[in-house]
Amino acid sequence: MSELSQVLDEMIACGEGMIKAANTLKDIFSSTEETPAKTETKAAKKVTKQEAAEPEAAKAEPAPTYTKEDVRGVLASKSAAGFKKEVKELLEKFGAQQLKQIDPKYYAAILKEAEVIGNA
């Protein structure tokens, strides 16, 4: 009976961990206080600055295509690893509070920057 109790306790702990991870993801990707029009304008300004800093050679090479799910998976894992603040800052750098507000053409750049989160 003791072994069964231990297994059940472990299952409960796992479930609580999953709930915590789900709530963290919900917080990251929940609705924002900004209006979509303001967010899009802000995103256009910030990305334009980034594009200006990129070398011409980098612009000429075709970037791999990523889906929203690819980006969401990486950002969710970084957030679950304790880097929620950094993930939010990365989204804000691209002028958004949520991933769905970011143009898919910037997914590769987001993933590139997300690689360094937690590796410093």
Protein backbone atom coordinates (compact mmCIF):
# COMPACT_ATOMS: atom_id res chain seq x y z
CA MET A 1 0.00 0.00 0.00
CA SER A 2 2.89 2.36 0.75
CA GLU A 3 4.23 1.92 -2.79
CA LEU A 4 0.82 2.72 -4.27
CA SER A 5 0.59 5.82 -2.11
CA GLN A 6 4.02 6.95 -3.30
CA VAL A 7 3.07 6.44 -6.96
CA LEU A 8 -0.13 8.40 -6.46
CA ASP A 9 1.79 11.23 -4.78
CA GLU A 10 4.17 11.33 -7.77
CA MET A 11 1.23 11.43 -10.19
CA ILE A 12 -0.29 14.33 -8.24
CA ALA A 13 3.03 16.20 -8.30
CA CYS A 14 3.30 15.66 -12.07
CA GLY A 15 -0.24 16.92 -12.56
CA GLU A 16 0.48 20.02 -10.50
CA GLY A 17 3.61 20.63 -12.55
CA MET A 18 1.62 20.38 -15.77
CA ILE A 19 -0.96 22.82 -14.42
CA LYS A 20 1.81 25.26 -13.48
CA ALA A 21 3.35 24.97 -16.97
CA ALA A 22 -0.05 25.47 -18.61
CA ASN A 23 -0.73 28.57 -16.51
CA THR A 24 2.68 29.96 -17.42
CA LEU A 25 1.97 29.46 -21.11
CA LYS A 26 -1.44 31.03 -20.69
CA ASP A 27 0.16 34.08 -19.06
CA ILE A 28 2.69 34.43 -21.85
CA PHE A 29 0.21 34.14 -24.67
CA SER A 30 -2.82 35.77 -23.03
CA SER A 31 -4.50 38.88 -24.37
CA THR A 32 -2.79 42.25 -24.07
CA GLU A 33 -3.80 45.67 -22.91
CA GLU A 34 -2.63 47.30 -26.13
CA THR A 35 -4.90 47.54 -29.12
CA PRO A 36 -3.85 45.49 -32.17
CA ALA A 37 -3.31 48.63 -34.27
CA LYS A 38 -0.84 50.07 -31.76
CA THR A 39 0.95 46.75 -31.48
CA GLU A 40 1.30 46.37 -35.25
CA THR A 41 2.71 49.89 -35.60
CA LYS A 42 5.14 49.28 -32.76
CA ALA A 43 6.21 45.97 -34.32
CA ALA A 44 6.82 47.59 -37.68
CA LYS A 45 9.06 50.25 -36.14
CA LYS A 46 11.16 47.83 -34.10
CA VAL A 47 11.63 45.32 -36.87
CA THR A 48 12.57 48.03 -39.31
CA LYS A 49 15.40 49.04 -36.98
CA GLN A 50 16.55 45.43 -36.80
CA GLU A 51 16.43 45.01 -40.56
CA ALA A 52 18.57 48.09 -41.01
CA ALA A 53 21.25 46.53 -38.79
CA GLU A 54 21.37 43.24 -40.74
CA PRO A 55 24.16 42.79 -43.29
CA GLU A 56 23.11 42.51 -46.92
CA ALA A 57 24.49 38.95 -47.16
CA ALA A 58 22.14 37.80 -44.41
CA LYS A 59 19.18 39.33 -46.21
CA ALA A 60 20.04 37.58 -49.48
CA GLU A 61 20.12 34.04 -48.04
CA PRO A 62 16.72 32.34 -47.88
CA ALA A 63 15.78 31.74 -44.26
CA PRO A 64 14.29 28.43 -43.16
CA THR A 65 10.53 28.46 -42.80
CA TYR A 66 9.16 28.08 -39.28
CA THR A 67 5.60 27.73 -38.10
CA LYS A 68 3.93 29.43 -35.18
CA GLU A 69 3.94 26.05 -33.44
CA ASP A 70 7.74 25.78 -33.86
CA VAL A 71 8.24 29.17 -32.24
CA ARG A 72 5.61 28.59 -29.55
CA GLY A 73 7.29 25.31 -28.58
CA VAL A 74 10.71 26.91 -28.14
CA LEU A 75 9.34 29.90 -26.24
CA ALA A 76 7.21 27.68 -24.03
CA SER A 77 10.17 25.49 -23.13
CA LYS A 78 12.28 28.58 -22.30
CA SER A 79 9.45 29.93 -20.18
CA ALA A 80 8.96 26.64 -18.36
CA ALA A 81 12.71 26.57 -17.68
CA GLY A 82 12.35 29.79 -15.69
CA PHE A 83 12.95 32.40 -18.38
CA LYS A 84 9.42 33.80 -18.63
CA LYS A 85 10.65 37.40 -18.28
CA GLU A 86 13.18 36.97 -21.08
CA VAL A 87 10.55 35.41 -23.36
CA LYS A 88 8.20 38.34 -22.75
CA GLU A 89 11.03 40.79 -23.45
CA LEU A 90 11.81 38.98 -26.71
CA LEU A 91 8.19 39.24 -27.84
CA GLU A 92 8.13 42.92 -26.85
CA LYS A 93 11.33 43.50 -28.82
CA PHE A 94 9.32 42.53 -31.89
CA GLY A 95 6.51 44.84 -30.77
CA ALA A 96 4.10 42.22 -29.52
CA GLN A 97 2.66 40.88 -26.31
CA GLN A 98 1.57 37.63 -27.94
CA LEU A 99 3.09 35.38 -30.56
CA LYS A 100 -0.02 35.66 -32.73
CA GLN A 101 0.72 39.37 -33.17
CA ILE A 102 4.07 38.70 -34.85
CA ASP A 103 4.41 38.40 -38.61
CA PRO A 104 5.56 34.86 -39.52
CA LYS A 105 8.45 36.29 -41.55
CA TYR A 106 10.14 37.14 -38.21
CA TYR A 107 9.86 33.65 -36.70
CA ALA A 108 13.42 32.73 -37.73
CA ALA A 109 14.82 35.86 -36.08
CA ILE A 110 12.85 35.15 -32.91
CA LEU A 111 14.12 31.58 -32.77
CA LYS A 112 17.69 32.77 -33.31
CA GLU A 113 17.42 35.17 -30.39
CA ALA A 114 15.61 32.61 -28.25
CA GLU A 115 18.55 30.22 -28.60
CA VAL A 116 20.68 32.40 -26.32
CA ILE A 117 18.07 32.67 -23.57
CA GLY A 118 19.38 30.67 -20.65
CA ASN A 119 22.73 29.95 -22.30
CA ALA A 120 24.57 33.03 -21.05
